[in-house]
Amino acid sequence: MTHHESIQTYTAAISALDVGAFADCFIQKCEINDPVGAPVIHGHDGAKAFFNGMAALLSKIEMKPVAIHVGGTRAAFSWTMVAEGKQAKRLLLKASTSSNSTKPARSSAAGATGTQAHSSLR
């Protein structure tokens, strides 16, 4: 899978609120650190628990890559996300994420502050 395909798959999984598709974006032994500095979440079970925690708060979400930058075995992308909470509150996030689609090991995403973060995608 190319970097562009990995990023499209990742953002589509989030937009669909599809926990299985989200976990499948990562290797089995992934480490997710979201937000950056938070305790590490391990493996697909951890990825699913993390995603379900986020998804439980949302009625819908749309994540779109804005720009994708590839350099060798790594890629970075900026994205926007519009989410609507179950209490009908709307939230707009903008941030950047990097991925390594060849040998992923760690994952992080940006929080509401829109700070730069890193994410390893399958």
N, C-alpha and C. Protein backbone atom coordinates (compact mmCIF):
# COMPACT_ATOMS: atom_id res chain seq x y z
N MET A 1 0.84 -1.18 0.00
CA MET A 1 0.00 0.00 0.00
C MET A 1 0.89 1.24 0.00
N THR A 2 0.56 2.21 -0.81
CA THR A 2 1.33 3.45 -0.87
C THR A 2 1.00 4.33 0.34
N HIS A 3 1.83 5.34 0.55
CA HIS A 3 1.55 6.30 1.63
C HIS A 3 0.19 6.95 1.42
N HIS A 4 -0.09 7.37 0.19
CA HIS A 4 -1.37 8.02 -0.09
C HIS A 4 -2.55 7.09 0.22
N GLU A 5 -2.42 5.83 -0.16
CA GLU A 5 -3.48 4.85 0.12
C GLU A 5 -3.63 4.62 1.62
N SER A 6 -2.51 4.52 2.34
CA SER A 6 -2.56 4.33 3.79
C SER A 6 -3.29 5.49 4.47
N ILE A 7 -2.97 6.69 4.05
CA ILE A 7 -3.59 7.88 4.64
C ILE A 7 -5.07 7.94 4.30
N GLN A 8 -5.43 7.62 3.05
CA GLN A 8 -6.84 7.61 2.66
C GLN A 8 -7.62 6.56 3.45
N THR A 9 -7.02 5.38 3.64
CA THR A 9 -7.66 4.31 4.40
C THR A 9 -7.87 4.73 5.86
N TYR A 10 -6.85 5.34 6.45
CA TYR A 10 -6.90 5.81 7.84
C TYR A 10 -7.99 6.86 8.03
N THR A 11 -8.01 7.87 7.17
CA THR A 11 -9.01 8.93 7.32
C THR A 11 -10.42 8.42 7.02
N ALA A 12 -10.55 7.49 6.08
CA ALA A 12 -11.86 6.91 5.78
C ALA A 12 -12.38 6.09 6.96
N ALA A 13 -11.49 5.35 7.63
CA ALA A 13 -11.90 4.56 8.80
C ALA A 13 -12.42 5.47 9.91
N ILE A 14 -11.72 6.56 10.14
CA ILE A 14 -12.16 7.51 11.16
C ILE A 14 -13.49 8.14 10.77
N SER A 15 -13.60 8.57 9.52
CA SER A 15 -14.83 9.21 9.05
C SER A 15 -16.03 8.27 9.11
N ALA A 16 -15.80 6.98 8.93
CA ALA A 16 -16.87 5.99 8.98
C ALA A 16 -17.15 5.52 10.41
N LEU A 17 -16.35 6.00 11.37
CA LEU A 17 -16.43 5.53 12.75
C LEU A 17 -16.36 4.00 12.80
N ASP A 18 -15.44 3.45 12.00
CA ASP A 18 -15.29 2.00 11.85
C ASP A 18 -14.09 1.53 12.66
N VAL A 19 -14.36 1.00 13.84
CA VAL A 19 -13.29 0.60 14.76
C VAL A 19 -12.39 -0.48 14.16
N GLY A 20 -12.97 -1.46 13.47
CA GLY A 20 -12.16 -2.52 12.87
C GLY A 20 -11.24 -2.00 11.79
N ALA A 21 -11.76 -1.13 10.93
CA ALA A 21 -10.95 -0.55 9.86
C ALA A 21 -9.85 0.34 10.45
N PHE A 22 -10.17 1.05 11.54
CA PHE A 22 -9.16 1.88 12.20
C PHE A 22 -8.03 1.02 12.73
N ALA A 23 -8.35 -0.04 13.47
CA ALA A 23 -7.31 -0.91 14.03
C ALA A 23 -6.49 -1.57 12.93
N ASP A 24 -7.14 -1.91 11.82
CA ASP A 24 -6.42 -2.54 10.71
C ASP A 24 -5.42 -1.61 10.03
N CYS A 25 -5.50 -0.33 10.32
CA CYS A 25 -4.52 0.62 9.77
C CYS A 25 -3.15 0.47 10.43
N PHE A 26 -3.10 -0.22 11.55
CA PHE A 26 -1.88 -0.34 12.33
C PHE A 26 -1.40 -1.78 12.38
N ILE A 27 -0.12 -1.95 12.59
CA ILE A 27 0.43 -3.29 12.78
C ILE A 27 -0.08 -3.84 14.12
N GLN A 28 -0.06 -5.17 14.28
CA GLN A 28 -0.56 -5.80 15.50
C GLN A 28 0.12 -5.28 16.76
N LYS A 29 1.42 -5.03 16.68
CA LYS A 29 2.18 -4.60 17.87
C LYS A 29 2.38 -3.08 17.89
N CYS A 30 1.38 -2.35 17.40
CA CYS A 30 1.51 -0.89 17.37
C CYS A 30 1.55 -0.30 18.77
N GLU A 31 2.06 0.92 18.84
CA GLU A 31 2.02 1.73 20.06
C GLU A 31 1.41 3.06 19.67
N ILE A 32 0.34 3.42 20.32
CA ILE A 32 -0.36 4.68 20.02
C ILE A 32 -0.15 5.61 21.19
N ASN A 33 0.25 6.83 20.90
CA ASN A 33 0.49 7.84 21.91
C ASN A 33 -0.31 9.07 21.52
N ASP A 34 -1.55 9.16 22.00
CA ASP A 34 -2.45 10.22 21.56
C ASP A 34 -3.25 10.73 22.75
N PRO A 35 -3.10 12.01 23.08
CA PRO A 35 -2.22 12.98 22.45
C PRO A 35 -0.76 12.71 22.81
N VAL A 36 0.10 13.37 22.07
CA VAL A 36 1.53 13.20 22.31
C VAL A 36 1.82 13.45 23.78
N GLY A 37 2.55 12.53 24.39
CA GLY A 37 2.88 12.63 25.81
C GLY A 37 1.95 11.82 26.71
N ALA A 38 0.83 11.36 26.15
CA ALA A 38 -0.09 10.53 26.93
C ALA A 38 0.51 9.13 27.09
N PRO A 39 -0.01 8.35 28.03
CA PRO A 39 0.48 6.97 28.16
C PRO A 39 0.29 6.20 26.86
N VAL A 40 1.21 5.30 26.58
CA VAL A 40 1.19 4.53 25.35
C VAL A 40 0.07 3.48 25.40
N ILE A 41 -0.65 3.37 24.30
CA ILE A 41 -1.69 2.35 24.11
C ILE A 41 -1.06 1.27 23.24
N HIS A 42 -1.22 0.00 23.60
CA HIS A 42 -0.53 -1.08 22.90
C HIS A 42 -1.47 -1.96 22.10
N GLY A 43 -1.06 -2.30 20.87
CA GLY A 43 -1.72 -3.31 20.05
C GLY A 43 -3.09 -2.95 19.53
N HIS A 44 -3.65 -3.90 18.77
CA HIS A 44 -4.97 -3.70 18.17
C HIS A 44 -6.06 -3.55 19.22
N ASP A 45 -5.98 -4.32 20.32
CA ASP A 45 -6.99 -4.18 21.37
C ASP A 45 -6.96 -2.78 21.96
N GLY A 46 -5.76 -2.26 22.18
CA GLY A 46 -5.63 -0.89 22.68
C GLY A 46 -6.13 0.13 21.68
N ALA A 47 -5.82 -0.09 20.38
CA ALA A 47 -6.28 0.82 19.32
C ALA A 47 -7.81 0.84 19.28
N LYS A 48 -8.42 -0.34 19.40
CA LYS A 48 -9.88 -0.42 19.37
C LYS A 48 -10.49 0.27 20.59
N ALA A 49 -9.90 0.07 21.76
CA ALA A 49 -10.42 0.72 22.98
C ALA A 49 -10.30 2.24 22.85
N PHE A 50 -9.15 2.70 22.35
CA PHE A 50 -8.94 4.14 22.15
C PHE A 50 -9.99 4.70 21.19
N PHE A 51 -10.16 4.03 20.04
CA PHE A 51 -11.11 4.50 19.03
C PHE A 51 -12.53 4.48 19.57
N ASN A 52 -12.90 3.40 20.26
CA ASN A 52 -14.26 3.31 20.81
C ASN A 52 -14.53 4.41 21.83
N GLY A 53 -13.50 4.79 22.59
CA GLY A 53 -13.65 5.89 23.53
C GLY A 53 -13.97 7.21 22.83
N MET A 54 -13.29 7.44 21.71
CA MET A 54 -13.55 8.65 20.92
C MET A 54 -14.91 8.55 20.24
N ALA A 55 -15.17 7.42 19.60
CA ALA A 55 -16.40 7.24 18.83
C ALA A 55 -17.65 7.34 19.71
N ALA A 56 -17.54 6.93 20.97
CA ALA A 56 -18.68 6.97 21.88
C ALA A 56 -19.19 8.39 22.10
N LEU A 57 -18.32 9.36 21.89
CA LEU A 57 -18.69 10.76 22.10
C LEU A 57 -19.27 11.43 20.86
N LEU A 58 -19.18 10.75 19.69
CA LEU A 58 -19.49 11.39 18.42
C LEU A 58 -20.72 10.79 17.73
N SER A 59 -21.48 11.66 17.09
CA SER A 59 -22.56 11.17 16.24
C SER A 59 -22.08 11.08 14.80
N LYS A 60 -21.13 11.93 14.43
CA LYS A 60 -20.52 11.84 13.10
C LYS A 60 -19.20 12.58 13.11
N ILE A 61 -18.36 12.21 12.14
CA ILE A 61 -17.04 12.82 12.02
C ILE A 61 -16.61 12.75 10.56
N GLU A 62 -15.88 13.74 10.12
CA GLU A 62 -15.32 13.73 8.78
C GLU A 62 -13.87 14.20 8.87
N MET A 63 -12.96 13.33 8.50
CA MET A 63 -11.53 13.66 8.50
C MET A 63 -11.05 13.64 7.06
N LYS A 64 -10.38 14.71 6.65
CA LYS A 64 -9.87 14.80 5.28
C LYS A 64 -8.40 15.20 5.30
N PRO A 65 -7.58 14.49 4.51
CA PRO A 65 -6.21 14.96 4.36
C PRO A 65 -6.21 16.24 3.53
N VAL A 66 -5.40 17.21 3.92
CA VAL A 66 -5.31 18.47 3.19
C VAL A 66 -4.12 18.42 2.24
N ALA A 67 -2.97 18.01 2.76
CA ALA A 67 -1.76 17.91 1.94
C ALA A 67 -0.95 16.71 2.42
N ILE A 68 -0.44 15.94 1.48
CA ILE A 68 0.37 14.77 1.81
C ILE A 68 1.78 15.00 1.28
N HIS A 69 2.77 14.81 2.14
CA HIS A 69 4.16 15.01 1.77
C HIS A 69 4.93 13.72 2.03
N VAL A 70 5.50 13.14 0.97
CA VAL A 70 6.21 11.87 1.08
C VAL A 70 7.71 12.12 0.93
N GLY A 71 8.48 11.49 1.80
CA GLY A 71 9.93 11.56 1.73
C GLY A 71 10.51 10.20 2.06
N GLY A 72 10.93 9.46 1.06
CA GLY A 72 11.48 8.12 1.30
C GLY A 72 10.44 7.18 1.84
N THR A 73 10.72 6.58 3.00
CA THR A 73 9.78 5.62 3.60
C THR A 73 8.80 6.27 4.55
N ARG A 74 8.81 7.60 4.65
CA ARG A 74 7.92 8.30 5.58
C ARG A 74 7.03 9.27 4.82
N ALA A 75 5.94 9.60 5.45
CA ALA A 75 5.03 10.59 4.89
C ALA A 75 4.46 11.42 6.03
N ALA A 76 4.10 12.62 5.73
CA ALA A 76 3.43 13.49 6.69
C ALA A 76 2.22 14.07 5.98
N PHE A 77 1.18 14.30 6.73
CA PHE A 77 0.03 14.96 6.11
C PHE A 77 -0.66 15.87 7.10
N SER A 78 -1.17 16.96 6.55
CA SER A 78 -2.00 17.85 7.35
C SER A 78 -3.44 17.45 7.08
N TRP A 79 -4.29 17.67 8.05
CA TRP A 79 -5.67 17.25 7.91
C TRP A 79 -6.61 18.20 8.61
N THR A 80 -7.86 18.11 8.22
CA THR A 80 -8.93 18.80 8.94
C THR A 80 -9.93 17.75 9.38
N MET A 81 -10.59 18.04 10.45
CA MET A 81 -11.60 17.12 10.98
C MET A 81 -12.76 17.96 11.50
N VAL A 82 -13.93 17.60 11.06
CA VAL A 82 -15.15 18.22 11.59
C VAL A 82 -15.92 17.10 12.27
N ALA A 83 -16.24 17.29 13.52
CA ALA A 83 -16.93 16.26 14.28
C ALA A 83 -18.16 16.87 14.96
N GLU A 84 -19.16 16.04 15.08
CA GLU A 84 -20.35 16.45 15.82
C GLU A 84 -20.55 15.48 16.97
N GLY A 85 -20.60 16.06 18.17
CA GLY A 85 -20.78 15.24 19.35
C GLY A 85 -22.22 14.78 19.50
N LYS A 86 -22.42 13.80 20.32
CA LYS A 86 -23.77 13.28 20.55
C LYS A 86 -24.67 14.34 21.20
N GLN A 87 -24.08 15.37 21.76
CA GLN A 87 -24.84 16.48 22.31
C GLN A 87 -25.02 17.58 21.27
N ALA A 88 -24.77 17.25 19.98
CA ALA A 88 -24.94 18.15 18.84
C ALA A 88 -23.97 19.33 18.86
N LYS A 89 -22.85 19.19 19.54
CA LYS A 89 -21.83 20.23 19.52
C LYS A 89 -20.87 19.92 18.38
N ARG A 90 -20.50 20.95 17.64
CA ARG A 90 -19.63 20.79 16.49
C ARG A 90 -18.22 21.23 16.83
N LEU A 91 -17.23 20.50 16.31
CA LEU A 91 -15.84 20.74 16.63
C LEU A 91 -15.03 20.69 15.34
N LEU A 92 -14.14 21.65 15.12
CA LEU A 92 -13.27 21.66 13.95
C LEU A 92 -11.83 21.58 14.43
N LEU A 93 -11.10 20.60 13.93
CA LEU A 93 -9.69 20.41 14.28
C LEU A 93 -8.85 20.49 13.02
N LYS A 94 -7.66 21.05 13.14
CA LYS A 94 -6.69 21.06 12.06
C LYS A 94 -5.36 20.65 12.66
N ALA A 95 -4.65 19.75 12.00
CA ALA A 95 -3.37 19.30 12.53
C ALA A 95 -2.59 18.60 11.44
N SER A 96 -1.44 18.07 11.82
CA SER A 96 -0.65 17.29 10.89
C SER A 96 -0.24 15.99 11.56
N THR A 97 -0.05 14.98 10.74
CA THR A 97 0.30 13.65 11.21
C THR A 97 1.34 13.10 10.25
N SER A 98 2.27 12.31 10.74
CA SER A 98 3.21 11.66 9.85
C SER A 98 3.00 10.17 9.92
N SER A 99 3.35 9.48 8.83
CA SER A 99 3.19 8.03 8.82
C SER A 99 4.41 7.37 8.21
N ASN A 100 4.59 6.14 8.55
CA ASN A 100 5.63 5.30 7.96
C ASN A 100 4.90 4.03 7.56
N SER A 101 4.56 3.90 6.28
CA SER A 101 3.73 2.78 5.88
C SER A 101 4.52 1.51 5.63
N THR A 102 5.84 1.53 5.76
CA THR A 102 6.60 0.32 5.50
C THR A 102 6.93 -0.45 6.77
N LYS A 103 7.30 0.20 7.84
CA LYS A 103 7.64 -0.47 9.10
C LYS A 103 7.10 0.34 10.27
N PRO A 104 5.77 0.42 10.44
CA PRO A 104 5.23 1.24 11.52
C PRO A 104 5.49 0.65 12.88
N ALA A 105 5.69 1.50 13.85
CA ALA A 105 5.92 1.03 15.21
C ALA A 105 5.17 1.87 16.22
N ARG A 106 5.07 3.15 16.01
CA ARG A 106 4.42 4.04 16.97
C ARG A 106 3.36 4.87 16.27
N SER A 107 2.41 5.33 17.02
CA SER A 107 1.35 6.16 16.47
C SER A 107 0.96 7.23 17.46
N SER A 108 0.75 8.42 16.95
CA SER A 108 0.22 9.51 17.76
C SER A 108 -0.60 10.41 16.85
N ALA A 109 -1.55 11.06 17.39
CA ALA A 109 -2.34 12.01 16.61
C ALA A 109 -2.45 13.29 17.42
N ALA A 110 -2.80 14.36 16.76
CA ALA A 110 -2.89 15.65 17.46
C ALA A 110 -4.23 15.78 18.16
N GLY A 111 -4.22 16.46 19.25
CA GLY A 111 -5.45 16.72 19.98
C GLY A 111 -6.09 18.02 19.51
N ALA A 112 -7.01 18.49 20.27
CA ALA A 112 -7.78 19.67 19.89
C ALA A 112 -6.92 20.92 19.75
N THR A 113 -5.71 20.90 20.26
CA THR A 113 -4.86 22.06 20.15
C THR A 113 -4.32 22.24 18.73
N GLY A 114 -4.41 21.19 17.92
CA GLY A 114 -3.92 21.27 16.55
C GLY A 114 -2.41 21.25 16.47
N THR A 115 -1.73 20.73 17.46
CA THR A 115 -0.28 20.68 17.43
C THR A 115 0.18 19.56 16.52
N GLN A 116 1.43 19.64 16.08
CA GLN A 116 1.97 18.61 15.21
C GLN A 116 2.11 17.31 15.98
N ALA A 117 1.86 16.21 15.28
CA ALA A 117 1.95 14.90 15.91
C ALA A 117 2.48 13.89 14.90
N HIS A 118 2.71 12.68 15.34
CA HIS A 118 3.23 11.63 14.46
C HIS A 118 2.36 10.40 14.58
N SER A 119 2.17 9.71 13.46
CA SER A 119 1.37 8.50 13.47
C SER A 119 1.95 7.50 12.50
N SER A 120 2.09 6.27 12.93
CA SER A 120 2.58 5.21 12.06
C SER A 120 1.39 4.41 11.56
N LEU A 121 1.23 4.42 10.28
CA LEU A 121 0.13 3.69 9.66
C LEU A 121 0.69 2.50 8.92
N ARG A 122 -0.11 1.52 8.75
CA ARG A 122 0.25 0.30 8.03
C ARG A 122 0.48 0.62 6.58
